[in-house]
PDB file of all heavy atoms in Angstrom:
ATOM      1  N   MET A   1     -34.511 106.431 226.445  1.00  0.00           N
ATOM      2  CA  MET A   1     -34.525 105.232 227.259  1.00  0.00           C
ATOM      3  C   MET A   1     -34.759 103.971 226.385  1.00  0.00           C
ATOM      4  O   MET A   1     -35.835 103.635 226.003  1.00  0.00           O
ATOM      5  CB  MET A   1     -35.563 105.312 228.369  1.00  0.00           C
ATOM      6  CG  MET A   1     -35.266 106.403 229.365  1.00  0.00           C
ATOM      7  SD  MET A   1     -36.537 106.547 230.664  1.00  0.00           S
ATOM      8  CE  MET A   1     -36.303 105.011 231.534  1.00  0.00           C
ATOM      9  N   GLN A   2     -33.655 103.295 226.065  1.00  0.00           N
ATOM     10  CA  GLN A   2     -33.702 102.172 225.100  1.00  0.00           C
ATOM     11  C   GLN A   2     -34.451 100.963 225.597  1.00  0.00           C
ATOM     12  O   GLN A   2     -35.273 100.400 224.876  1.00  0.00           O
ATOM     13  CB  GLN A   2     -32.265 101.750 224.733  1.00  0.00           C
ATOM     14  CG  GLN A   2     -31.510 102.774 223.884  1.00  0.00           C
ATOM     15  CD  GLN A   2     -30.150 102.285 223.474  1.00  0.00           C
ATOM     16  OE1 GLN A   2     -29.792 101.132 223.616  1.00  0.00           O
ATOM     17  NE2 GLN A   2     -29.362 103.201 222.889  1.00  0.00           N
ATOM     18  N   TYR A   3     -34.242 100.585 226.861  1.00  0.00           N
ATOM     19  CA  TYR A   3     -34.940  99.377 227.349  1.00  0.00           C
ATOM     20  C   TYR A   3     -36.417  99.624 227.547  1.00  0.00           C
ATOM     21  O   TYR A   3     -37.264  98.743 227.267  1.00  0.00           O
ATOM     22  CB  TYR A   3     -34.298  98.877 228.651  1.00  0.00           C
ATOM     23  CG  TYR A   3     -34.720  97.434 228.925  1.00  0.00           C
ATOM     24  CD1 TYR A   3     -34.246  96.388 228.119  1.00  0.00           C
ATOM     25  CD2 TYR A   3     -35.546  97.146 229.977  1.00  0.00           C
ATOM     26  CE1 TYR A   3     -34.633  95.064 228.386  1.00  0.00           C
ATOM     27  CE2 TYR A   3     -35.956  95.796 230.234  1.00  0.00           C
ATOM     28  CZ  TYR A   3     -35.477  94.804 229.428  1.00  0.00           C
ATOM     29  OH  TYR A   3     -35.845  93.476 229.647  1.00  0.00           O
ATOM     30  N   LEU A   4     -36.806 100.832 227.975  1.00  0.00           N
ATOM     31  CA  LEU A   4     -38.192 101.189 228.049  1.00  0.00           C
ATOM     32  C   LEU A   4     -38.865 101.085 226.682  1.00  0.00           C
ATOM     33  O   LEU A   4     -39.952 100.561 226.553  1.00  0.00           O
ATOM     34  CB  LEU A   4     -38.366 102.609 228.613  1.00  0.00           C
ATOM     35  CG  LEU A   4     -39.785 103.161 228.669  1.00  0.00           C
ATOM     36  CD1 LEU A   4     -40.706 102.335 229.563  1.00  0.00           C
ATOM     37  CD2 LEU A   4     -39.754 104.616 229.245  1.00  0.00           C
ATOM     38  N   ASP A   5     -38.174 101.542 225.653  1.00  0.00           N
ATOM     39  CA  ASP A   5     -38.695 101.458 224.305  1.00  0.00           C
ATOM     40  C   ASP A   5     -38.834 100.019 223.877  1.00  0.00           C
ATOM     41  O   ASP A   5     -39.839  99.666 223.242  1.00  0.00           O
ATOM     42  CB  ASP A   5     -37.791 102.235 223.340  1.00  0.00           C
ATOM     43  CG  ASP A   5     -38.391 102.299 221.933  1.00  0.00           C
ATOM     44  OD1 ASP A   5     -39.417 103.040 221.763  1.00  0.00           O
ATOM     45  OD2 ASP A   5     -37.845 101.631 220.994  1.00  0.00           O
ATOM     46  N   MET A   6     -37.909  99.171 224.240  1.00  0.00           N
ATOM     47  CA  MET A   6     -37.957  97.767 223.905  1.00  0.00           C
ATOM     48  C   MET A   6     -39.143  97.085 224.571  1.00  0.00           C
ATOM     49  O   MET A   6     -39.885  96.253 223.953  1.00  0.00           O
ATOM     50  CB  MET A   6     -36.664  97.078 224.329  1.00  0.00           C
ATOM     51  CG  MET A   6     -35.461  97.406 223.467  1.00  0.00           C
ATOM     52  SD  MET A   6     -33.849  97.040 224.282  1.00  0.00           S
ATOM     53  CE  MET A   6     -34.009  95.280 224.581  1.00  0.00           C
ATOM     54  N   VAL A   7     -39.364  97.402 225.826  1.00  0.00           N
ATOM     55  CA  VAL A   7     -40.468  96.803 226.565  1.00  0.00           C
ATOM     56  C   VAL A   7     -41.848  97.205 225.957  1.00  0.00           C
ATOM     57  O   VAL A   7     -42.725  96.365 225.720  1.00  0.00           O
ATOM     58  CB  VAL A   7     -40.447  97.243 228.071  1.00  0.00           C
ATOM     59  CG1 VAL A   7     -41.766  96.918 228.766  1.00  0.00           C
ATOM     60  CG2 VAL A   7     -39.281  96.584 228.762  1.00  0.00           C
ATOM     61  N   VAL A   8     -41.974  98.520 225.693  1.00  0.00           N
ATOM     62  CA  VAL A   8     -43.262  98.985 225.081  1.00  0.00           C
ATOM     63  C   VAL A   8     -43.472  98.383 223.696  1.00  0.00           C
ATOM     64  O   VAL A   8     -44.592  98.003 223.310  1.00  0.00           O
ATOM     65  CB  VAL A   8     -43.272 100.526 225.053  1.00  0.00           C
ATOM     66  CG1 VAL A   8     -44.482 101.034 224.265  1.00  0.00           C
ATOM     67  CG2 VAL A   8     -43.277 101.102 226.452  1.00  0.00           C
ATOM     68  N   SER A   9     -42.408  98.306 222.900  1.00  0.00           N
ATOM     69  CA  SER A   9     -42.491  97.664 221.574  1.00  0.00           C
ATOM     70  C   SER A   9     -42.960  96.253 221.690  1.00  0.00           C
ATOM     71  O   SER A   9     -43.761  95.788 220.836  1.00  0.00           O
ATOM     72  CB  SER A   9     -41.157  97.734 220.830  1.00  0.00           C
ATOM     73  OG  SER A   9     -40.770  99.133 220.637  1.00  0.00           O
ATOM     74  N   GLU A  10     -42.433  95.505 222.626  1.00  0.00           N
ATOM     75  CA  GLU A  10     -42.829  94.084 222.779  1.00  0.00           C
ATOM     76  C   GLU A  10     -44.268  93.919 223.295  1.00  0.00           C
ATOM     77  O   GLU A  10     -44.977  93.031 222.886  1.00  0.00           O
ATOM     78  CB  GLU A  10     -41.827  93.375 223.722  1.00  0.00           C
ATOM     79  CG  GLU A  10     -42.198  91.915 224.032  1.00  0.00           C
ATOM     80  CD  GLU A  10     -42.111  90.952 222.837  1.00  0.00           C
ATOM     81  OE1 GLU A  10     -42.036  91.428 221.707  1.00  0.00           O
ATOM     82  OE2 GLU A  10     -42.162  89.744 223.075  1.00  0.00           O
ATOM     83  N   VAL A  11     -44.693  94.869 224.131  1.00  0.00           N
ATOM     84  CA  VAL A  11     -46.123  94.866 224.573  1.00  0.00           C
ATOM     85  C   VAL A  11     -47.009  95.069 223.364  1.00  0.00           C
ATOM     86  O   VAL A  11     -47.982  94.353 223.193  1.00  0.00           O
ATOM     87  CB  VAL A  11     -46.347  95.962 225.621  1.00  0.00           C
ATOM     88  CG1 VAL A  11     -47.838  96.070 225.913  1.00  0.00           C
ATOM     89  CG2 VAL A  11     -45.622  95.684 226.898  1.00  0.00           C
ATOM     90  N   LEU A  12     -46.641  96.018 222.517  1.00  0.00           N
ATOM     91  CA  LEU A  12     -47.441  96.312 221.335  1.00  0.00           C
ATOM     92  C   LEU A  12     -47.404  95.148 220.338  1.00  0.00           C
ATOM     93  O   LEU A  12     -48.369  94.951 219.573  1.00  0.00           O
ATOM     94  CB  LEU A  12     -46.942  97.585 220.657  1.00  0.00           C
ATOM     95  CG  LEU A  12     -47.212  98.900 221.425  1.00  0.00           C
ATOM     96  CD1 LEU A  12     -46.398 100.050 220.840  1.00  0.00           C
ATOM     97  CD2 LEU A  12     -48.701  99.247 221.397  1.00  0.00           C
ATOM     98  N   ARG A  13     -46.345  94.401 220.307  1.00  0.00           N
ATOM     99  CA  ARG A  13     -46.299  93.234 219.421  1.00  0.00           C
ATOM    100  C   ARG A  13     -47.195  92.144 219.953  1.00  0.00           C
ATOM    101  O   ARG A  13     -48.061  91.579 219.209  1.00  0.00           O
ATOM    102  CB  ARG A  13     -44.863  92.632 219.304  1.00  0.00           C
ATOM    103  CG  ARG A  13     -44.783  91.421 218.405  1.00  0.00           C
ATOM    104  CD  ARG A  13     -43.649  90.559 218.735  1.00  0.00           C
ATOM    105  NE  ARG A  13     -43.715  89.911 220.058  1.00  0.00           N
ATOM    106  CZ  ARG A  13     -44.410  88.819 220.360  1.00  0.00           C
ATOM    107  NH1 ARG A  13     -45.160  88.219 219.441  1.00  0.00           N
ATOM    108  NH2 ARG A  13     -44.412  88.367 221.597  1.00  0.00           N
ATOM    109  N   LYS A  14     -47.053  91.795 221.230  1.00  0.00           N
ATOM    110  CA  LYS A  14     -47.807  90.710 221.824  1.00  0.00           C
ATOM    111  C   LYS A  14     -49.275  91.051 222.001  1.00  0.00           C
ATOM    112  O   LYS A  14     -50.185  90.196 221.840  1.00  0.00           O
ATOM    113  CB  LYS A  14     -47.208  90.297 223.146  1.00  0.00           C
ATOM    114  CG  LYS A  14     -47.829  89.016 223.729  1.00  0.00           C
ATOM    115  CD  LYS A  14     -47.141  88.591 225.024  1.00  0.00           C
ATOM    116  CE  LYS A  14     -47.789  87.325 225.571  1.00  0.00           C
ATOM    117  NZ  LYS A  14     -47.236  86.913 226.881  1.00  0.00           N
ATOM    118  N   TRP A  15     -49.566  92.307 222.292  1.00  0.00           N
ATOM    119  CA  TRP A  15     -50.969  92.746 222.566  1.00  0.00           C
ATOM    120  C   TRP A  15     -51.289  93.991 221.725  1.00  0.00           C
ATOM    121  O   TRP A  15     -51.466  95.069 222.260  1.00  0.00           O
ATOM    122  CB  TRP A  15     -51.136  93.043 224.038  1.00  0.00           C
ATOM    123  CG  TRP A  15     -50.882  91.905 224.932  1.00  0.00           C
ATOM    124  CD1 TRP A  15     -49.775  91.737 225.736  1.00  0.00           C
ATOM    125  CD2 TRP A  15     -51.684  90.740 225.100  1.00  0.00           C
ATOM    126  NE1 TRP A  15     -49.880  90.521 226.423  1.00  0.00           N
ATOM    127  CE2 TRP A  15     -51.043  89.887 226.058  1.00  0.00           C
ATOM    128  CE3 TRP A  15     -52.943  90.311 224.582  1.00  0.00           C
ATOM    129  CZ2 TRP A  15     -51.579  88.687 226.494  1.00  0.00           C
ATOM    130  CZ3 TRP A  15     -53.454  89.086 224.987  1.00  0.00           C
ATOM    131  CH2 TRP A  15     -52.782  88.275 225.921  1.00  0.00           C
ATOM    132  N   PRO A  16     -51.417  93.851 220.403  1.00  0.00           N
ATOM    133  CA  PRO A  16     -51.809  94.975 219.543  1.00  0.00           C
ATOM    134  C   PRO A  16     -53.317  95.287 219.772  1.00  0.00           C
ATOM    135  O   PRO A  16     -54.204  94.671 219.184  1.00  0.00           O
ATOM    136  CB  PRO A  16     -51.564  94.497 218.136  1.00  0.00           C
ATOM    137  CG  PRO A  16     -51.700  93.020 218.193  1.00  0.00           C
ATOM    138  CD  PRO A  16     -51.257  92.596 219.584  1.00  0.00           C
ATOM    139  N   VAL A  17     -53.552  96.227 220.648  1.00  0.00           N
ATOM    140  CA  VAL A  17     -54.961  96.446 221.150  1.00  0.00           C
ATOM    141  C   VAL A  17     -55.972  96.709 220.050  1.00  0.00           C
ATOM    142  O   VAL A  17     -57.084  96.193 220.104  1.00  0.00           O
ATOM    143  CB  VAL A  17     -54.943  97.558 222.211  1.00  0.00           C
ATOM    144  CG1 VAL A  17     -56.378  97.897 222.627  1.00  0.00           C
ATOM    145  CG2 VAL A  17     -54.135  97.120 223.414  1.00  0.00           C
ATOM    146  N   PRO A  18     -55.656  97.442 218.957  1.00  0.00           N
ATOM    147  CA  PRO A  18     -56.644  97.631 217.879  1.00  0.00           C
ATOM    148  C   PRO A  18     -57.047  96.346 217.196  1.00  0.00           C
ATOM    149  O   PRO A  18     -58.100  96.251 216.557  1.00  0.00           O
ATOM    150  CB  PRO A  18     -56.015  98.614 216.926  1.00  0.00           C
ATOM    151  CG  PRO A  18     -54.949  99.286 217.761  1.00  0.00           C
ATOM    152  CD  PRO A  18     -54.453  98.269 218.727  1.00  0.00           C
ATOM    153  N   LEU A  19     -56.162  95.340 217.208  1.00  0.00           N
ATOM    154  CA  LEU A  19     -56.386  94.018 216.630  1.00  0.00           C
ATOM    155  C   LEU A  19     -56.315  93.964 215.092  1.00  0.00           C
ATOM    156  O   LEU A  19     -55.721  93.012 214.545  1.00  0.00           O
ATOM    157  CB  LEU A  19     -57.691  93.379 217.089  1.00  0.00           C
ATOM    158  CG  LEU A  19     -57.879  93.153 218.579  1.00  0.00           C
ATOM    159  CD1 LEU A  19     -59.228  92.504 218.893  1.00  0.00           C
ATOM    160  CD2 LEU A  19     -56.743  92.352 219.190  1.00  0.00           C
ATOM    161  N   ILE A  20     -56.927  94.892 214.425  1.00  0.00           N
ATOM    162  CA  ILE A  20     -56.955  94.849 212.958  1.00  0.00           C
ATOM    163  C   ILE A  20     -56.710  96.221 212.378  1.00  0.00           C
ATOM    164  O   ILE A  20     -56.819  97.234 213.061  1.00  0.00           O
ATOM    165  CB  ILE A  20     -58.334  94.328 212.439  1.00  0.00           C
ATOM    166  CG1 ILE A  20     -59.441  95.291 212.861  1.00  0.00           C
ATOM    167  CG2 ILE A  20     -58.577  92.922 212.814  1.00  0.00           C
ATOM    168  CD1 ILE A  20     -60.691  95.162 212.033  1.00  0.00           C
ATOM    169  N   THR A  21     -56.381  96.241 211.098  1.00  0.00           N
ATOM    170  CA  THR A  21     -56.412  97.448 210.309  1.00  0.00           C
ATOM    171  C   THR A  21     -57.099  97.047 208.980  1.00  0.00           C
ATOM    172  O   THR A  21     -57.071  95.887 208.606  1.00  0.00           O
ATOM    173  CB  THR A  21     -55.078  98.116 210.093  1.00  0.00           C
ATOM    174  OG1 THR A  21     -55.237  99.365 209.428  1.00  0.00           O
ATOM    175  CG2 THR A  21     -54.135  97.241 209.267  1.00  0.00           C
ATOM    176  N   ASP A  22     -57.716  97.989 208.270  1.00  0.00           N
ATOM    177  CA  ASP A  22     -58.440  97.615 207.072  1.00  0.00           C
ATOM    178  C   ASP A  22     -58.275  98.670 205.973  1.00  0.00           C
ATOM    179  O   ASP A  22     -57.856  99.796 206.260  1.00  0.00           O
ATOM    180  CB  ASP A  22     -59.917  97.433 207.407  1.00  0.00           C
ATOM    181  CG  ASP A  22     -60.593  98.747 207.765  1.00  0.00           C
ATOM    182  OD1 ASP A  22     -60.539  99.169 208.935  1.00  0.00           O
ATOM    183  OD2 ASP A  22     -61.146  99.394 206.823  1.00  0.00           O
ATOM    184  N   ARG A  23     -58.572  98.256 204.771  1.00  0.00           N
ATOM    185  CA  ARG A  23     -58.568  99.184 203.617  1.00  0.00           C
ATOM    186  C   ARG A  23     -59.673  98.771 202.644  1.00  0.00           C
ATOM    187  O   ARG A  23     -60.115  97.600 202.648  1.00  0.00           O
ATOM    188  CB  ARG A  23     -57.231  99.123 202.855  1.00  0.00           C
ATOM    189  CG  ARG A  23     -56.015  99.622 203.682  1.00  0.00           C
ATOM    190  CD  ARG A  23     -56.068 101.101 203.902  1.00  0.00           C
ATOM    191  NE  ARG A  23     -54.882 101.621 204.540  1.00  0.00           N
ATOM    192  CZ  ARG A  23     -54.700 101.661 205.839  1.00  0.00           C
ATOM    193  NH1 ARG A  23     -55.677 101.267 206.663  1.00  0.00           N
ATOM    194  NH2 ARG A  23     -53.571 102.119 206.391  1.00  0.00           N
ATOM    195  N   THR A  24     -60.097  99.729 201.801  1.00  0.00           N
ATOM    196  CA  THR A  24     -61.030  99.412 200.695  1.00  0.00           C
ATOM    197  C   THR A  24     -60.250  99.704 199.386  1.00  0.00           C
ATOM    198  O   THR A  24     -59.616 100.756 199.257  1.00  0.00           O
ATOM    199  CB  THR A  24     -62.249 100.321 200.792  1.00  0.00           C
ATOM    200  OG1 THR A  24     -62.964  99.968 201.976  1.00  0.00           O
ATOM    201  CG2 THR A  24     -63.152 100.108 199.582  1.00  0.00           C
TER     202      THR A  24
END
């Protein structure tokens, strides 16, 4: 389902719930 994938991808772009990633 291409449009469903597009919608979910845009949600993850606008609202990346983890907010950060980190490294040492």
